[in-house]
Protein backbone atom coordinates (compact mmCIF):
# COMPACT_ATOMS: atom_id res chain seq x y z
CA MET A 1 53.62 -57.02 3.07
CA ARG A 2 56.86 -55.08 3.35
CA ALA A 3 57.70 -52.48 5.98
CA PRO A 4 59.51 -49.43 4.56
CA GLY A 5 63.15 -50.37 4.35
CA GLY A 6 62.47 -53.65 6.12
CA PRO A 7 62.02 -57.32 5.28
CA GLU A 8 58.82 -58.81 3.92
CA ILE A 9 56.47 -60.03 6.65
CA ALA A 10 55.02 -63.42 5.75
CA VAL A 11 52.13 -65.27 7.37
CA GLY A 12 53.39 -66.65 10.67
CA ASP A 13 56.11 -64.02 11.09
CA VAL A 14 55.94 -61.52 13.93
CA LEU A 15 53.80 -58.54 12.88
CA LEU A 16 53.81 -56.73 16.22
CA SER A 17 56.05 -57.18 19.23
CA VAL A 18 55.42 -55.82 22.73
CA GLU A 19 58.66 -55.69 24.70
CA ASN A 20 58.82 -55.13 28.47
CA VAL A 21 56.00 -52.56 28.46
CA SER A 22 55.07 -50.85 31.72
CA LEU A 23 52.34 -48.25 32.19
CA SER A 24 51.42 -46.36 35.35
CA PHE A 25 48.84 -43.74 36.25
CA GLY A 26 50.30 -41.92 39.23
CA GLY A 27 51.01 -44.67 41.73
CA VAL A 28 48.76 -47.21 40.02
CA LYS A 29 50.53 -49.76 37.81
CA ALA A 30 48.23 -50.77 34.96
CA ILE A 31 50.86 -52.86 33.11
CA SER A 32 54.14 -54.18 34.52
CA GLY A 33 56.91 -55.46 32.24
CA VAL A 34 54.64 -57.26 29.74
CA SER A 35 56.08 -58.85 26.61
CA PHE A 36 54.36 -60.85 23.85
CA ASP A 37 54.03 -60.86 20.08
CA ILE A 38 51.30 -61.08 17.44
CA ARG A 39 52.02 -63.05 14.28
CA LYS A 40 50.73 -62.14 10.85
CA GLY A 41 47.51 -63.95 10.01
CA GLU A 42 46.60 -65.16 13.49
CA ILE A 43 43.80 -64.40 15.92
CA ARG A 44 45.50 -63.47 19.19
CA ALA A 45 43.40 -63.19 22.36
CA ILE A 46 44.28 -61.04 25.35
CA ILE A 47 42.35 -62.21 28.41
CA GLY A 48 42.28 -61.75 32.15
CA PRO A 49 39.99 -60.78 35.03
CA ASN A 50 38.53 -57.28 35.31
CA GLY A 51 41.27 -54.73 35.97
CA ALA A 52 43.98 -56.95 34.49
CA GLY A 53 45.23 -54.22 32.10
CA LYS A 54 43.81 -55.62 28.85
CA THR A 55 42.27 -52.43 27.46
CA SER A 56 45.29 -50.44 28.65
CA MET A 57 47.45 -52.75 26.56
CA LEU A 58 45.36 -52.12 23.43
CA ASN A 59 45.57 -48.40 24.16
CA VAL A 60 49.36 -48.70 24.25
CA ILE A 61 49.45 -50.62 20.98
CA ASN A 62 47.39 -48.05 19.08
CA GLY A 63 49.14 -45.05 20.62
CA PHE A 64 46.40 -43.76 22.91
CA TYR A 65 48.60 -44.38 25.97
CA HIS A 66 52.37 -43.91 26.06
CA PRO A 67 54.18 -46.39 28.32
CA GLN A 68 56.84 -45.26 30.76
CA GLN A 69 58.95 -48.30 29.86
CA GLY A 70 59.31 -50.69 26.95
CA ARG A 71 58.72 -50.47 23.25
CA ILE A 72 56.43 -51.60 20.45
CA THR A 73 57.70 -52.94 17.12
CA PHE A 74 55.15 -52.99 14.28
CA LYS A 75 55.96 -54.16 10.77
CA GLY A 76 59.66 -53.97 11.56
CA LYS A 77 59.57 -50.40 12.88
CA THR A 78 60.30 -49.85 16.57
CA ARG A 79 58.90 -46.84 18.38
CA PRO A 80 58.64 -45.75 22.02
CA HIS A 81 55.60 -43.54 21.37
CA MET A 82 53.05 -43.16 18.60
CA GLN A 83 49.91 -41.08 18.20
CA PRO A 84 46.60 -42.82 17.38
CA TYR A 85 46.41 -41.20 13.92
CA GLU A 86 49.90 -42.51 13.16
CA ALA A 87 48.79 -46.00 14.21
CA ALA A 88 45.76 -45.73 11.92
CA ARG A 89 47.87 -44.58 8.99
CA GLY A 90 50.33 -47.39 9.68
CA GLY A 91 47.65 -50.07 9.46
CA ILE A 92 46.15 -50.51 12.95
CA ALA A 93 42.36 -50.25 13.32
CA ARG A 94 40.35 -50.43 16.53
CA THR A 95 36.88 -51.07 17.91
CA PHE A 96 35.87 -50.24 21.48
CA GLN A 97 34.05 -51.75 24.47
CA ASN A 98 31.31 -49.16 24.11
CA VAL A 99 30.00 -48.57 20.59
CA ALA A 100 31.64 -45.43 19.18
CA LEU A 101 29.57 -44.56 16.11
CA PHE A 102 27.96 -41.41 14.71
CA ARG A 103 24.44 -42.23 15.84
CA GLY A 104 22.67 -39.72 13.59
CA MET A 105 24.47 -40.92 10.46
CA THR A 106 23.47 -43.89 8.33
CA VAL A 107 25.23 -47.23 8.33
CA LEU A 108 26.72 -46.39 4.92
CA ASP A 109 28.08 -43.02 6.06
CA ASN A 110 29.53 -44.48 9.28
CA ILE A 111 31.47 -47.08 7.32
CA MET A 112 32.52 -44.42 4.79
CA ALA A 113 34.10 -42.55 7.70
CA GLY A 114 36.58 -45.40 7.90
CA ARG A 115 37.83 -44.48 4.42
CA SER A 116 38.90 -40.98 5.46
CA LEU A 117 42.61 -41.81 5.63
CA LYS A 118 42.39 -43.33 2.14
CA MET A 119 41.13 -40.10 0.54
CA HIS A 120 43.82 -37.96 -1.07
CA THR A 121 42.05 -35.12 -2.91
CA ASN A 122 42.35 -31.71 -1.27
CA ILE A 123 39.63 -30.06 0.80
CA PHE A 124 38.64 -27.71 -2.04
CA TRP A 125 37.64 -30.59 -4.36
CA GLN A 126 35.98 -32.46 -1.50
CA LEU A 127 33.79 -29.45 -0.69
CA LEU A 128 32.73 -29.18 -4.33
CA ARG A 129 32.24 -32.97 -4.70
CA PHE A 130 33.30 -32.56 -8.30
CA GLY A 131 36.03 -33.83 -10.60
CA PRO A 132 38.73 -35.92 -8.87
CA ALA A 133 36.99 -35.76 -5.48
CA LEU A 134 33.79 -37.23 -6.89
CA ARG A 135 35.66 -39.97 -8.73
CA GLU A 136 37.55 -40.82 -5.56
CA GLU A 137 34.38 -40.90 -3.46
CA VAL A 138 32.67 -43.23 -5.94
CA ALA A 139 35.63 -45.61 -5.77
CA HIS A 140 35.54 -45.60 -1.96
CA ARG A 141 31.78 -46.18 -1.94
CA VAL A 142 32.30 -49.29 -4.06
CA ARG A 143 34.67 -50.61 -1.38
CA VAL A 144 32.19 -49.74 1.38
CA GLU A 145 29.37 -51.53 -0.43
CA GLU A 146 31.56 -54.63 -0.60
CA ILE A 147 31.99 -54.50 3.18
CA ILE A 148 28.24 -54.02 3.67
CA ASP A 149 27.60 -57.12 1.54
CA PHE A 150 30.29 -59.04 3.45
CA LEU A 151 28.66 -58.21 6.80
CA ARG A 152 25.15 -58.90 5.45
CA ILE A 153 23.72 -55.53 6.43
CA GLN A 154 22.42 -54.45 3.00
CA ASP A 155 18.87 -53.93 4.25
CA ILE A 156 19.96 -51.37 6.89
CA ARG A 157 22.54 -49.47 4.84
CA ARG A 158 20.41 -46.27 4.81
CA THR A 159 19.28 -46.56 8.44
CA PRO A 160 20.70 -44.17 11.08
CA VAL A 161 22.77 -46.34 13.44
CA GLY A 162 21.05 -44.88 16.49
CA ARG A 163 17.91 -46.79 15.50
CA LEU A 164 19.67 -50.15 15.30
CA PRO A 165 19.79 -52.83 18.00
CA TYR A 166 23.06 -53.17 19.86
CA GLY A 167 24.29 -56.27 18.02
CA LEU A 168 23.94 -54.60 14.63
CA GLN A 169 25.67 -51.46 15.88
CA LYS A 170 28.63 -53.64 16.85
CA ARG A 171 28.65 -55.09 13.34
CA VAL A 172 28.64 -51.60 11.82
CA GLU A 173 31.58 -50.63 14.01
CA LEU A 174 33.43 -53.70 12.73
CA GLY A 175 32.62 -52.57 9.19
CA ARG A 176 34.03 -49.11 9.81
CA ALA A 177 37.28 -50.66 11.09
CA LEU A 178 37.47 -52.95 8.04
CA ALA A 179 37.04 -49.92 5.78
CA MET A 180 40.50 -48.82 6.91
CA GLU A 181 41.95 -52.03 5.39
CA PRO A 182 44.04 -52.68 8.50
CA ASP A 183 47.02 -55.00 8.81
CA LEU A 184 46.16 -55.41 12.50
CA LEU A 185 42.60 -55.19 13.84
CA LEU A 186 42.17 -54.60 17.59
CA LEU A 187 38.79 -55.71 18.95
CA ASP A 188 38.00 -54.65 22.52
CA GLU A 189 35.25 -56.94 23.83
CA PRO A 190 33.46 -57.23 20.46
CA MET A 191 30.72 -59.40 22.02
CA ALA A 192 30.10 -57.57 25.28
CA GLY A 193 26.38 -57.26 26.00
CA MET A 194 25.34 -59.59 23.19
CA ASN A 195 22.92 -62.50 23.41
CA LEU A 196 23.91 -65.99 22.27
CA GLU A 197 22.70 -65.55 18.68
CA GLU A 198 24.50 -62.22 18.31
CA LYS A 199 27.70 -63.77 19.70
CA GLU A 200 27.50 -66.59 17.19
CA ASP A 201 27.08 -64.10 14.34
CA MET A 202 29.99 -61.94 15.49
CA SER A 203 32.22 -65.00 15.99
CA ARG A 204 31.52 -66.07 12.42
CA PHE A 205 32.32 -62.61 11.07
CA ILE A 206 35.59 -62.44 13.02
CA LEU A 207 36.66 -65.78 11.57
CA ASP A 208 35.58 -64.66 8.10
CA VAL A 209 37.53 -61.39 8.38
CA ASN A 210 40.63 -63.34 9.33
CA ASP A 211 40.13 -65.87 6.52
CA HIS A 212 38.71 -63.71 3.69
CA TYR A 213 40.80 -60.56 4.16
CA GLY A 214 43.80 -62.21 5.84
CA THR A 215 43.53 -59.63 8.62
CA THR A 216 45.55 -60.23 11.76
CA ILE A 217 43.31 -59.83 14.81
CA ALA A 218 43.98 -59.15 18.48
CA LEU A 219 40.89 -59.34 20.66
CA ILE A 220 39.87 -58.92 24.26
CA GLU A 221 36.96 -61.12 25.27
CA HIS A 222 35.54 -62.38 28.58
CA ASP A 223 33.57 -65.30 27.14
CA MET A 224 36.09 -68.11 27.52
CA GLY A 225 34.16 -70.38 25.16
CA VAL A 226 34.48 -67.77 22.42
CA VAL A 227 38.19 -67.26 23.18
CA MET A 228 38.95 -70.97 23.01
CA ASP A 229 37.00 -71.40 19.76
CA LEU A 230 38.41 -68.39 17.90
CA SER A 231 41.99 -67.92 19.04
CA ASP A 232 45.22 -69.34 17.71
CA ARG A 233 47.13 -68.13 20.78
CA VAL A 234 46.19 -66.50 24.08
CA VAL A 235 48.09 -64.18 26.41
CA VAL A 236 46.75 -63.85 29.96
CA LEU A 237 47.15 -60.75 32.14
CA ASP A 238 46.40 -60.44 35.84
CA TYR A 239 46.89 -57.19 37.78
CA GLY A 240 48.94 -55.89 34.85
CA ILE A 241 51.35 -58.83 34.80
CA LYS A 242 51.58 -61.54 32.15
CA ILE A 243 50.89 -64.87 33.84
CA ALA A 244 50.54 -67.17 30.82
CA ASP A 245 50.99 -67.30 27.06
CA GLY A 246 50.22 -70.19 24.74
CA THR A 247 47.63 -72.10 22.75
CA PRO A 248 44.03 -72.27 24.00
CA ASP A 249 44.58 -75.86 25.19
CA GLU A 250 47.69 -74.85 27.13
CA ILE A 251 45.96 -71.83 28.67
CA LYS A 252 42.88 -73.62 29.96
CA ARG A 253 45.09 -76.14 31.79
CA ASP A 254 47.47 -73.56 33.26
CA PRO A 255 47.22 -73.46 37.09
CA ALA A 256 48.05 -69.73 37.22
CA VAL A 257 45.16 -68.94 34.87
CA ILE A 258 42.76 -71.10 36.85
CA ASP A 259 43.86 -69.36 40.06
CA ALA A 260 43.40 -65.89 38.53
CA TYR A 261 39.89 -66.60 37.30
CA LEU A 262 38.71 -68.48 40.37
CA GLY A 263 40.41 -66.13 42.82
CA VAL A 264 42.42 -68.89 44.52
CA ALA A 265 45.66 -66.91 44.48
CA HIS A 266 44.05 -63.70 45.74
């Protein structure tokens, strides 16, 4: 993978760098001087107690929030601010804590929505669904069907997502993000509200996405067992401040992390 005008980014090289980022809402500091990086090909966890600033950090990375201080470097390009659509075009996809799907649309059509940025025919041809627009749509549907097979949801492909149980809706949302063919996939609590079986399924799919597609993943997750099993490295936030950064083994032994989760320091 090569950034425009920049060096090739190999597996293990820094794909995204967060440098001294601070974000405030009025007098409330959500993030204070946080720095860390995400390397190509890894699964990077961002953890911390409730209110630690984890989701705010993802919102900064994908351009939804603009920090008052610091900068983000992605694929060799540094920027102080970026809009969410620019992040999507650049190769960053996102899922959310609460399922954000088109509930009246089918599984197939929801995942097809993730191909929107890949479609290049003009609106006239798309309205007619003829000629180049039709050929393009067919090609994108082939890609979507591959994702449906990968996620093992063939039997619900024509089902409106509003009729699906929560765990399957989460899987469809993952499919829509994969349809964007991201370089960096941001997962905000992908297993929130799931039972044990659903968590095991989602954990397997996250590992498969990382292995099969080579997708770099940054995830927020409260289940520490899941974090320790999935992650290559973990960064820990508490009250908007980075308190630890390292491998899962290093993190679970870190006194500052233990204090933050058990409330000893507060």
